[in-house]
Amino acid sequence: MNTVKENDLTSEQDRKYMTVIAILSVAIPVLVALLFFMPKSGEANVDVSYLPGFHAFINSITAITLVVGYVNVKRGNTKVHRRAMLFAFGLSAVFLVSYVTYHFLGQRTVYGGDGLLRYIYYFILLTHIVLAIVIVPLVLLSVYFGITNQLKRHRRISKWTFPIWLYVAVTGVLVYLLISPYYA
């Protein structure tokens, strides 16, 4: 009789998903970085000028949803927590597709402010970019562990995921507010 232990099956399943998570965690930031270095023809037939405002909207709803999820898990309402976090994950996926679309089709905008505000903007932008890269595997792992009911692992990674994800969502809105006067 050929029996497979549940832990062996979970470990095998985990390895497959960890491989996918690792690939996505590298591929997503590389794709976004390539878009910034890709030459623009300037002749896009699609108007994407509304997307930065849409991105700020998605980031603000994501931040609110993350807080709703956090508050509910602290209250023991895991059903609302799960829905909120999956909604935040879905919003982030929509954001990513829209962001890639915008940077593929749209023109680069340069921040035009000066003085102290310029330093503040670039500090927020730099930390936002670095942590947006860091958050990709953390979110994927948190969601995977939550969905597969590996709650100990989910809690361990989510204590890092939540504050970083919230920071990235909030600073995404701040970056937009600071650079929006300079959009063409």
N, C-alpha and C. Protein backbone atom coordinates (compact mmCIF):
# COMPACT_ATOMS: atom_id res chain seq x y z
N MET A 1 0.84 -1.18 0.00
CA MET A 1 0.00 0.00 0.00
C MET A 1 0.88 1.24 0.00
N ASN A 2 0.62 2.15 -0.90
CA ASN A 2 1.43 3.35 -1.06
C ASN A 2 0.70 4.52 -0.40
N THR A 3 1.13 4.88 0.80
CA THR A 3 0.50 6.00 1.50
C THR A 3 1.44 7.18 1.52
N VAL A 4 0.85 8.34 1.40
CA VAL A 4 1.62 9.58 1.43
C VAL A 4 1.18 10.36 2.65
N LYS A 5 2.15 10.75 3.45
CA LYS A 5 1.84 11.56 4.62
C LYS A 5 1.36 12.94 4.17
N GLU A 6 0.44 13.51 4.96
CA GLU A 6 -0.08 14.84 4.63
C GLU A 6 1.04 15.88 4.64
N ASN A 7 1.99 15.78 5.58
CA ASN A 7 3.11 16.73 5.63
C ASN A 7 3.98 16.65 4.39
N ASP A 8 4.18 15.42 3.88
CA ASP A 8 4.97 15.27 2.65
C ASP A 8 4.26 15.93 1.48
N LEU A 9 2.94 15.73 1.42
CA LEU A 9 2.16 16.33 0.34
C LEU A 9 2.20 17.85 0.45
N THR A 10 2.03 18.37 1.67
CA THR A 10 2.07 19.81 1.88
C THR A 10 3.44 20.36 1.52
N SER A 11 4.48 19.66 1.91
CA SER A 11 5.83 20.12 1.58
C SER A 11 6.06 20.14 0.08
N GLU A 12 5.55 19.11 -0.61
CA GLU A 12 5.69 19.07 -2.06
C GLU A 12 4.89 20.21 -2.70
N GLN A 13 3.68 20.40 -2.22
CA GLN A 13 2.84 21.49 -2.72
C GLN A 13 3.49 22.84 -2.41
N ASP A 14 4.00 22.98 -1.18
CA ASP A 14 4.67 24.22 -0.79
C ASP A 14 5.85 24.52 -1.70
N ARG A 15 6.64 23.53 -2.01
CA ARG A 15 7.81 23.73 -2.88
C ARG A 15 7.39 24.28 -4.24
N LYS A 16 6.32 23.75 -4.79
CA LYS A 16 5.83 24.23 -6.09
C LYS A 16 5.42 25.70 -5.99
N TYR A 17 4.64 26.02 -4.98
CA TYR A 17 4.17 27.40 -4.83
C TYR A 17 5.31 28.35 -4.45
N MET A 18 6.24 27.87 -3.66
CA MET A 18 7.40 28.72 -3.30
C MET A 18 8.22 29.05 -4.54
N THR A 19 8.31 28.09 -5.45
CA THR A 19 9.03 28.34 -6.71
C THR A 19 8.31 29.41 -7.52
N VAL A 20 6.99 29.30 -7.62
CA VAL A 20 6.21 30.31 -8.36
C VAL A 20 6.35 31.68 -7.68
N ILE A 21 6.27 31.70 -6.36
CA ILE A 21 6.41 32.96 -5.61
C ILE A 21 7.79 33.56 -5.84
N ALA A 22 8.82 32.74 -5.82
CA ALA A 22 10.19 33.23 -6.05
C ALA A 22 10.33 33.81 -7.46
N ILE A 23 9.78 33.13 -8.44
CA ILE A 23 9.86 33.61 -9.82
C ILE A 23 9.13 34.94 -9.97
N LEU A 24 7.92 35.03 -9.43
CA LEU A 24 7.15 36.28 -9.50
C LEU A 24 7.84 37.40 -8.74
N SER A 25 8.46 37.07 -7.62
CA SER A 25 9.13 38.07 -6.79
C SER A 25 10.32 38.70 -7.49
N VAL A 26 10.90 37.99 -8.43
CA VAL A 26 11.99 38.54 -9.24
C VAL A 26 11.44 39.16 -10.53
N ALA A 27 10.53 38.46 -11.18
CA ALA A 27 10.04 38.90 -12.48
C ALA A 27 9.28 40.22 -12.43
N ILE A 28 8.46 40.41 -11.41
CA ILE A 28 7.65 41.63 -11.34
C ILE A 28 8.53 42.88 -11.21
N PRO A 29 9.44 42.94 -10.24
CA PRO A 29 10.30 44.13 -10.17
C PRO A 29 11.18 44.33 -11.41
N VAL A 30 11.66 43.24 -12.00
CA VAL A 30 12.49 43.35 -13.21
C VAL A 30 11.66 43.93 -14.34
N LEU A 31 10.43 43.45 -14.52
CA LEU A 31 9.55 43.97 -15.56
C LEU A 31 9.30 45.47 -15.37
N VAL A 32 8.99 45.87 -14.16
CA VAL A 32 8.73 47.28 -13.88
C VAL A 32 9.99 48.11 -14.12
N ALA A 33 11.14 47.61 -13.71
CA ALA A 33 12.40 48.34 -13.94
C ALA A 33 12.68 48.48 -15.43
N LEU A 34 12.45 47.44 -16.19
CA LEU A 34 12.68 47.50 -17.64
C LEU A 34 11.81 48.56 -18.30
N LEU A 35 10.60 48.74 -17.81
CA LEU A 35 9.70 49.74 -18.38
C LEU A 35 10.26 51.15 -18.23
N PHE A 36 11.00 51.38 -17.16
CA PHE A 36 11.57 52.70 -16.94
C PHE A 36 12.74 52.99 -17.87
N PHE A 37 13.41 51.95 -18.34
CA PHE A 37 14.55 52.14 -19.21
C PHE A 37 14.22 51.94 -20.68
N MET A 38 12.98 51.50 -20.94
CA MET A 38 12.55 51.27 -22.32
C MET A 38 12.32 52.63 -23.01
N PRO A 39 12.89 52.80 -24.20
CA PRO A 39 12.66 54.07 -24.91
C PRO A 39 11.19 54.23 -25.28
N LYS A 40 10.69 55.46 -25.20
CA LYS A 40 9.30 55.76 -25.53
C LYS A 40 9.23 56.39 -26.91
N SER A 41 8.27 55.96 -27.70
CA SER A 41 8.12 56.54 -29.03
C SER A 41 7.38 57.86 -28.97
N GLY A 42 6.57 58.05 -27.93
CA GLY A 42 5.80 59.29 -27.80
C GLY A 42 4.57 59.30 -28.68
N GLU A 43 4.29 58.21 -29.37
CA GLU A 43 3.17 58.16 -30.30
C GLU A 43 2.12 57.13 -29.89
N ALA A 44 1.84 57.02 -28.61
CA ALA A 44 0.82 56.07 -28.16
C ALA A 44 -0.55 56.56 -28.59
N ASN A 45 -1.33 55.66 -29.12
CA ASN A 45 -2.68 56.01 -29.57
C ASN A 45 -3.70 55.86 -28.46
N VAL A 46 -3.24 55.52 -27.27
CA VAL A 46 -4.12 55.31 -26.14
C VAL A 46 -3.83 56.37 -25.09
N ASP A 47 -4.89 57.02 -24.63
CA ASP A 47 -4.73 58.03 -23.58
C ASP A 47 -4.70 57.35 -22.22
N VAL A 48 -3.54 57.40 -21.57
CA VAL A 48 -3.39 56.78 -20.24
C VAL A 48 -3.15 57.85 -19.17
N SER A 49 -3.43 59.10 -19.51
CA SER A 49 -3.13 60.20 -18.59
C SER A 49 -3.96 60.14 -17.30
N TYR A 50 -5.07 59.44 -17.32
CA TYR A 50 -5.92 59.31 -16.14
C TYR A 50 -5.41 58.26 -15.15
N LEU A 51 -4.49 57.40 -15.59
CA LEU A 51 -4.07 56.28 -14.76
C LEU A 51 -3.34 56.67 -13.47
N PRO A 52 -2.48 57.69 -13.43
CA PRO A 52 -1.86 58.02 -12.14
C PRO A 52 -2.89 58.35 -11.04
N GLY A 53 -3.94 59.06 -11.39
CA GLY A 53 -5.01 59.34 -10.42
C GLY A 53 -5.72 58.06 -10.01
N PHE A 54 -5.94 57.18 -10.97
CA PHE A 54 -6.55 55.87 -10.69
C PHE A 54 -5.66 55.07 -9.75
N HIS A 55 -4.35 55.12 -9.97
CA HIS A 55 -3.40 54.40 -9.11
C HIS A 55 -3.46 54.92 -7.68
N ALA A 56 -3.54 56.25 -7.53
CA ALA A 56 -3.65 56.83 -6.20
C ALA A 56 -4.94 56.38 -5.53
N PHE A 57 -6.02 56.33 -6.29
CA PHE A 57 -7.30 55.86 -5.76
C PHE A 57 -7.18 54.40 -5.30
N ILE A 58 -6.61 53.56 -6.14
CA ILE A 58 -6.44 52.14 -5.77
C ILE A 58 -5.57 52.02 -4.52
N ASN A 59 -4.48 52.78 -4.47
CA ASN A 59 -3.61 52.73 -3.29
C ASN A 59 -4.35 53.17 -2.03
N SER A 60 -5.19 54.20 -2.13
CA SER A 60 -5.89 54.65 -0.93
C SER A 60 -6.92 53.62 -0.49
N ILE A 61 -7.64 53.00 -1.43
CA ILE A 61 -8.60 51.95 -1.07
C ILE A 61 -7.86 50.74 -0.50
N THR A 62 -6.70 50.43 -1.07
CA THR A 62 -5.89 49.32 -0.55
C THR A 62 -5.49 49.60 0.90
N ALA A 63 -5.03 50.81 1.19
CA ALA A 63 -4.63 51.16 2.56
C ALA A 63 -5.82 51.01 3.52
N ILE A 64 -6.97 51.51 3.12
CA ILE A 64 -8.17 51.38 3.97
C ILE A 64 -8.52 49.92 4.18
N THR A 65 -8.47 49.14 3.11
CA THR A 65 -8.80 47.71 3.20
C THR A 65 -7.82 46.97 4.09
N LEU A 66 -6.55 47.32 4.01
CA LEU A 66 -5.55 46.69 4.88
C LEU A 66 -5.85 46.98 6.35
N VAL A 67 -6.20 48.22 6.65
CA VAL A 67 -6.52 48.58 8.04
C VAL A 67 -7.78 47.84 8.50
N VAL A 68 -8.78 47.75 7.63
CA VAL A 68 -10.01 47.00 7.97
C VAL A 68 -9.65 45.55 8.27
N GLY A 69 -8.82 44.95 7.44
CA GLY A 69 -8.40 43.56 7.67
C GLY A 69 -7.64 43.40 8.96
N TYR A 70 -6.74 44.33 9.25
CA TYR A 70 -5.94 44.27 10.47
C TYR A 70 -6.82 44.40 11.71
N VAL A 71 -7.69 45.39 11.71
CA VAL A 71 -8.58 45.61 12.86
C VAL A 71 -9.45 44.38 13.10
N ASN A 72 -9.95 43.80 12.02
CA ASN A 72 -10.82 42.64 12.17
C ASN A 72 -10.09 41.40 12.65
N VAL A 73 -8.87 41.19 12.24
CA VAL A 73 -8.15 40.02 12.75
C VAL A 73 -7.83 40.21 14.24
N LYS A 74 -7.55 41.45 14.65
CA LYS A 74 -7.30 41.72 16.07
C LYS A 74 -8.56 41.49 16.91
N ARG A 75 -9.72 41.72 16.30
CA ARG A 75 -11.00 41.49 16.98
C ARG A 75 -11.45 40.03 16.90
N GLY A 76 -10.69 39.21 16.18
CA GLY A 76 -11.04 37.80 16.05
C GLY A 76 -12.02 37.51 14.93
N ASN A 77 -12.32 38.50 14.12
CA ASN A 77 -13.24 38.31 13.01
C ASN A 77 -12.45 37.91 11.76
N THR A 78 -12.08 36.64 11.71
CA THR A 78 -11.20 36.17 10.64
C THR A 78 -11.89 36.15 9.29
N LYS A 79 -13.22 36.03 9.27
CA LYS A 79 -13.94 36.01 8.01
C LYS A 79 -13.81 37.37 7.29
N VAL A 80 -14.03 38.46 8.03
CA VAL A 80 -13.89 39.80 7.45
C VAL A 80 -12.42 40.09 7.13
N HIS A 81 -11.53 39.64 8.02
CA HIS A 81 -10.08 39.80 7.78
C HIS A 81 -9.69 39.17 6.45
N ARG A 82 -10.11 37.94 6.25
CA ARG A 82 -9.76 37.22 5.02
C ARG A 82 -10.30 37.94 3.79
N ARG A 83 -11.56 38.36 3.84
CA ARG A 83 -12.16 39.07 2.70
C ARG A 83 -11.42 40.37 2.41
N ALA A 84 -11.13 41.11 3.48
CA ALA A 84 -10.44 42.40 3.30
C ALA A 84 -9.06 42.20 2.70
N MET A 85 -8.33 41.23 3.19
CA MET A 85 -6.97 41.02 2.70
C MET A 85 -6.96 40.50 1.26
N LEU A 86 -7.91 39.63 0.94
CA LEU A 86 -8.00 39.17 -0.45
C LEU A 86 -8.43 40.30 -1.37
N PHE A 87 -9.28 41.20 -0.88
CA PHE A 87 -9.67 42.36 -1.67
C PHE A 87 -8.46 43.28 -1.88
N ALA A 88 -7.67 43.49 -0.82
CA ALA A 88 -6.45 44.30 -0.95
C ALA A 88 -5.49 43.66 -1.95
N PHE A 89 -5.38 42.35 -1.91
CA PHE A 89 -4.53 41.63 -2.85
C PHE A 89 -5.04 41.83 -4.28
N GLY A 90 -6.34 41.72 -4.47
CA GLY A 90 -6.93 41.93 -5.79
C GLY A 90 -6.70 43.35 -6.29
N LEU A 91 -6.88 44.33 -5.39
CA LEU A 91 -6.61 45.73 -5.75
C LEU A 91 -5.15 45.91 -6.17
N SER A 92 -4.25 45.28 -5.44
CA SER A 92 -2.82 45.38 -5.77
C SER A 92 -2.52 44.75 -7.12
N ALA A 93 -3.20 43.67 -7.44
CA ALA A 93 -3.01 43.03 -8.75
C ALA A 93 -3.51 43.95 -9.86
N VAL A 94 -4.68 44.57 -9.65
CA VAL A 94 -5.20 45.52 -10.64
C VAL A 94 -4.24 46.70 -10.77
N PHE A 95 -3.75 47.19 -9.63
CA PHE A 95 -2.79 48.28 -9.65
C PHE A 95 -1.57 47.91 -10.49
N LEU A 96 -1.02 46.74 -10.25
CA LEU A 96 0.19 46.32 -10.95
C LEU A 96 -0.02 46.28 -12.46
N VAL A 97 -1.11 45.69 -12.91
CA VAL A 97 -1.40 45.62 -14.34
C VAL A 97 -1.56 47.03 -14.91
N SER A 98 -2.29 47.88 -14.19
CA SER A 98 -2.51 49.25 -14.65
C SER A 98 -1.22 50.06 -14.65
N TYR A 99 -0.40 49.85 -13.63
CA TYR A 99 0.88 50.56 -13.51
C TYR A 99 1.81 50.19 -14.66
N VAL A 100 1.88 48.90 -14.95
CA VAL A 100 2.71 48.43 -16.06
C VAL A 100 2.18 49.00 -17.38
N THR A 101 0.87 49.01 -17.54
CA THR A 101 0.26 49.59 -18.74
C THR A 101 0.63 51.06 -18.88
N TYR A 102 0.49 51.81 -17.80
CA TYR A 102 0.80 53.24 -17.83
C TYR A 102 2.26 53.49 -18.21
N HIS A 103 3.17 52.75 -17.58
CA HIS A 103 4.58 52.99 -17.85
C HIS A 103 5.04 52.42 -19.19
N PHE A 104 4.24 51.54 -19.77
CA PHE A 104 4.54 51.05 -21.11
C PHE A 104 4.06 52.05 -22.16
N LEU A 105 2.90 52.64 -21.93
CA LEU A 105 2.30 53.52 -22.93
C LEU A 105 2.50 55.01 -22.66
N GLY A 106 2.65 55.38 -21.39
CA GLY A 106 2.70 56.79 -21.03
C GLY A 106 4.10 57.37 -21.06
N GLN A 107 4.16 58.68 -20.92
CA GLN A 107 5.43 59.38 -20.89
C GLN A 107 5.90 59.55 -19.45
N ARG A 108 7.20 59.57 -19.28
CA ARG A 108 7.78 59.76 -17.95
C ARG A 108 7.53 61.19 -17.49
N THR A 109 7.19 61.32 -16.21
CA THR A 109 6.99 62.63 -15.60
C THR A 109 8.12 62.87 -14.61
N VAL A 110 8.71 64.05 -14.68
CA VAL A 110 9.81 64.41 -13.80
C VAL A 110 9.29 65.36 -12.73
N TYR A 111 9.69 65.12 -11.50
CA TYR A 111 9.28 65.99 -10.39
C TYR A 111 9.93 67.36 -10.58
N GLY A 112 9.14 68.41 -10.48
CA GLY A 112 9.65 69.76 -10.74
C GLY A 112 9.80 70.64 -9.52
N GLY A 113 9.52 70.09 -8.35
CA GLY A 113 9.63 70.90 -7.13
C GLY A 113 11.08 71.14 -6.75
N ASP A 114 11.28 72.06 -5.80
CA ASP A 114 12.64 72.34 -5.34
C ASP A 114 12.64 72.56 -3.82
N GLY A 115 13.82 72.82 -3.31
CA GLY A 115 13.96 73.07 -1.88
C GLY A 115 13.73 71.81 -1.05
N LEU A 116 13.27 72.00 0.18
CA LEU A 116 13.05 70.91 1.12
C LEU A 116 12.04 69.90 0.59
N LEU A 117 11.01 70.38 -0.09
CA LEU A 117 9.97 69.49 -0.62
C LEU A 117 10.55 68.50 -1.62
N ARG A 118 11.56 68.92 -2.38
CA ARG A 118 12.21 68.02 -3.33
C ARG A 118 12.87 66.85 -2.60
N TYR A 119 13.56 67.15 -1.50
CA TYR A 119 14.22 66.09 -0.72
C TYR A 119 13.19 65.16 -0.08
N ILE A 120 12.11 65.74 0.40
CA ILE A 120 11.04 64.93 0.99
C ILE A 120 10.44 64.01 -0.07
N TYR A 121 10.16 64.57 -1.25
CA TYR A 121 9.59 63.78 -2.34
C TYR A 121 10.50 62.61 -2.69
N TYR A 122 11.77 62.88 -2.90
CA TYR A 122 12.68 61.80 -3.30
C TYR A 122 12.91 60.78 -2.20
N PHE A 123 12.87 61.21 -0.94
CA PHE A 123 12.96 60.24 0.16
C PHE A 123 11.74 59.32 0.15
N ILE A 124 10.55 59.92 0.03
CA ILE A 124 9.33 59.11 0.00
C ILE A 124 9.34 58.19 -1.22
N LEU A 125 9.72 58.72 -2.37
CA LEU A 125 9.76 57.92 -3.60
C LEU A 125 10.74 56.76 -3.48
N LEU A 126 11.94 57.03 -3.00
CA LEU A 126 12.95 55.98 -2.87
C LEU A 126 12.51 54.88 -1.92
N THR A 127 12.01 55.27 -0.75
CA THR A 127 11.56 54.24 0.21
C THR A 127 10.35 53.49 -0.34
N HIS A 128 9.48 54.19 -1.06
CA HIS A 128 8.32 53.55 -1.68
C HIS A 128 8.77 52.49 -2.69
N ILE A 129 9.71 52.85 -3.54
CA ILE A 129 10.19 51.92 -4.58
C ILE A 129 10.86 50.70 -3.95
N VAL A 130 11.76 50.94 -3.02
CA VAL A 130 12.48 49.82 -2.39
C VAL A 130 11.51 48.89 -1.68
N LEU A 131 10.59 49.47 -0.92
CA LEU A 131 9.65 48.62 -0.18
C LEU A 131 8.60 47.99 -1.09
N ALA A 132 8.29 48.61 -2.22
CA ALA A 132 7.38 47.98 -3.19
C ALA A 132 8.01 46.71 -3.76
N ILE A 133 9.32 46.71 -3.89
CA ILE A 133 10.02 45.50 -4.34
C ILE A 133 10.00 44.44 -3.25
N VAL A 134 10.26 44.87 -2.03
CA VAL A 134 10.29 43.96 -0.88
C VAL A 134 8.92 43.34 -0.62
N ILE A 135 7.87 44.11 -0.86
CA ILE A 135 6.53 43.65 -0.49
C ILE A 135 6.01 42.54 -1.39
N VAL A 136 6.51 42.43 -2.60
CA VAL A 136 5.99 41.42 -3.53
C VAL A 136 6.05 40.01 -2.92
N PRO A 137 7.22 39.51 -2.53
CA PRO A 137 7.23 38.16 -1.96
C PRO A 137 6.49 38.08 -0.63
N LEU A 138 6.54 39.15 0.17
CA LEU A 138 5.85 39.11 1.46
C LEU A 138 4.34 38.95 1.30
N VAL A 139 3.76 39.70 0.36
CA VAL A 139 2.32 39.59 0.11
C VAL A 139 1.99 38.21 -0.43
N LEU A 140 2.76 37.75 -1.40
CA LEU A 140 2.49 36.44 -1.99
C LEU A 140 2.58 35.33 -0.94
N LEU A 141 3.58 35.40 -0.08
CA LEU A 141 3.71 34.39 0.98
C LEU A 141 2.58 34.50 1.99
N SER A 142 2.25 35.72 2.40
CA SER A 142 1.17 35.91 3.36
C SER A 142 -0.15 35.36 2.84
N VAL A 143 -0.45 35.67 1.60
CA VAL A 143 -1.69 35.20 1.00
C VAL A 143 -1.66 33.67 0.88
N TYR A 144 -0.56 33.14 0.40
CA TYR A 144 -0.46 31.69 0.25
C TYR A 144 -0.64 30.98 1.60
N PHE A 145 0.07 31.43 2.62
CA PHE A 145 -0.05 30.78 3.92
C PHE A 145 -1.44 30.95 4.51
N GLY A 146 -2.07 32.10 4.26
CA GLY A 146 -3.43 32.30 4.75
C GLY A 146 -4.43 31.39 4.04
N ILE A 147 -4.33 31.32 2.72
CA ILE A 147 -5.26 30.50 1.93
C ILE A 147 -5.10 29.02 2.26
N THR A 148 -3.86 28.59 2.47
CA THR A 148 -3.61 27.17 2.76
C THR A 148 -3.75 26.86 4.25
N ASN A 149 -4.20 27.84 5.00
CA ASN A 149 -4.48 27.67 6.44
C ASN A 149 -3.24 27.30 7.24
N GLN A 150 -2.07 27.76 6.80
CA GLN A 150 -0.84 27.59 7.56
C GLN A 150 -0.69 28.82 8.45
N LEU A 151 -1.53 28.88 9.47
CA LEU A 151 -1.71 30.12 10.23
C LEU A 151 -0.47 30.55 11.00
N LYS A 152 0.30 29.60 11.51
CA LYS A 152 1.52 29.98 12.22
C LYS A 152 2.49 30.70 11.27
N ARG A 153 2.67 30.13 10.09
CA ARG A 153 3.55 30.75 9.09
C ARG A 153 2.94 32.07 8.59
N HIS A 154 1.63 32.09 8.44
CA HIS A 154 0.93 33.30 7.99
C HIS A 154 1.16 34.44 8.99
N ARG A 155 0.98 34.16 10.27
CA ARG A 155 1.17 35.21 11.30
C ARG A 155 2.61 35.70 11.33
N ARG A 156 3.54 34.76 11.22
CA ARG A 156 4.96 35.11 11.29
C ARG A 156 5.36 36.06 10.15
N ILE A 157 4.90 35.81 8.94
CA ILE A 157 5.27 36.66 7.81
C ILE A 157 4.42 37.92 7.75
N SER A 158 3.16 37.81 8.17
CA SER A 158 2.24 38.94 8.07
C SER A 158 2.58 40.08 9.02
N LYS A 159 3.27 39.77 10.11
CA LYS A 159 3.66 40.87 11.01
C LYS A 159 4.65 41.81 10.33
N TRP A 160 5.33 41.33 9.29
CA TRP A 160 6.21 42.18 8.47
C TRP A 160 5.45 42.72 7.25
N THR A 161 4.60 41.89 6.69
CA THR A 161 3.89 42.27 5.46
C THR A 161 2.98 43.47 5.69
N PHE A 162 2.17 43.42 6.74
CA PHE A 162 1.17 44.47 6.95
C PHE A 162 1.76 45.87 7.01
N PRO A 163 2.74 46.16 7.87
CA PRO A 163 3.21 47.55 7.93
C PRO A 163 3.91 48.00 6.65
N ILE A 164 4.62 47.09 6.01
CA ILE A 164 5.31 47.47 4.77
C ILE A 164 4.30 47.71 3.66
N TRP A 165 3.32 46.83 3.55
CA TRP A 165 2.29 46.97 2.52
C TRP A 165 1.50 48.27 2.74
N LEU A 166 1.17 48.55 3.98
CA LEU A 166 0.45 49.78 4.29
C LEU A 166 1.29 51.01 3.95
N TYR A 167 2.58 50.97 4.29
CA TYR A 167 3.49 52.07 3.95
C TYR A 167 3.54 52.29 2.44
N VAL A 168 3.66 51.21 1.67
CA VAL A 168 3.74 51.32 0.21
C VAL A 168 2.44 51.90 -0.34
N ALA A 169 1.31 51.47 0.18
CA ALA A 169 0.02 52.00 -0.30
C ALA A 169 -0.11 53.49 0.02
N VAL A 170 0.21 53.88 1.24
CA VAL A 170 0.08 55.29 1.65
C VAL A 170 1.08 56.18 0.90
N THR A 171 2.32 55.72 0.80
CA THR A 171 3.32 56.54 0.11
C THR A 171 3.04 56.60 -1.39
N GLY A 172 2.36 55.60 -1.94
CA GLY A 172 1.95 55.67 -3.34
C GLY A 172 1.03 56.86 -3.57
N VAL A 173 0.13 57.09 -2.62
CA VAL A 173 -0.78 58.24 -2.70
C VAL A 173 0.02 59.54 -2.53
N LEU A 174 0.94 59.56 -1.58
CA LEU A 174 1.76 60.76 -1.35
C LEU A 174 2.61 61.11 -2.57
N VAL A 175 3.22 60.11 -3.18
CA VAL A 175 4.02 60.35 -4.39
C VAL A 175 3.14 60.97 -5.47
N TYR A 176 1.96 60.42 -5.64
CA TYR A 176 1.04 60.98 -6.64
C TYR A 176 0.70 62.44 -6.32
N LEU A 177 0.35 62.71 -5.07
CA LEU A 177 -0.03 64.08 -4.70
C LEU A 177 1.12 65.06 -4.93
N LEU A 178 2.34 64.61 -4.67
CA LEU A 178 3.49 65.49 -4.83
C LEU A 178 3.88 65.72 -6.29
N ILE A 179 3.71 64.71 -7.13
CA ILE A 179 4.14 64.84 -8.53
C ILE A 179 2.98 65.26 -9.46
N SER A 180 1.77 65.13 -9.01
CA SER A 180 0.62 65.41 -9.90
C SER A 180 0.63 66.80 -10.54
N PRO A 181 1.15 67.86 -9.90
CA PRO A 181 1.18 69.14 -10.61
C PRO A 181 2.09 69.15 -11.83
N TYR A 182 2.95 68.14 -11.97
CA TYR A 182 3.94 68.13 -13.05
C TYR A 182 3.56 67.19 -14.20
N TYR A 183 2.39 66.56 -14.11
CA TYR A 183 1.94 65.73 -15.22
C TYR A 183 1.58 66.63 -16.40
N ALA A 184 1.94 66.18 -17.60
CA ALA A 184 1.66 66.98 -18.81
C ALA A 184 0.19 66.99 -19.13
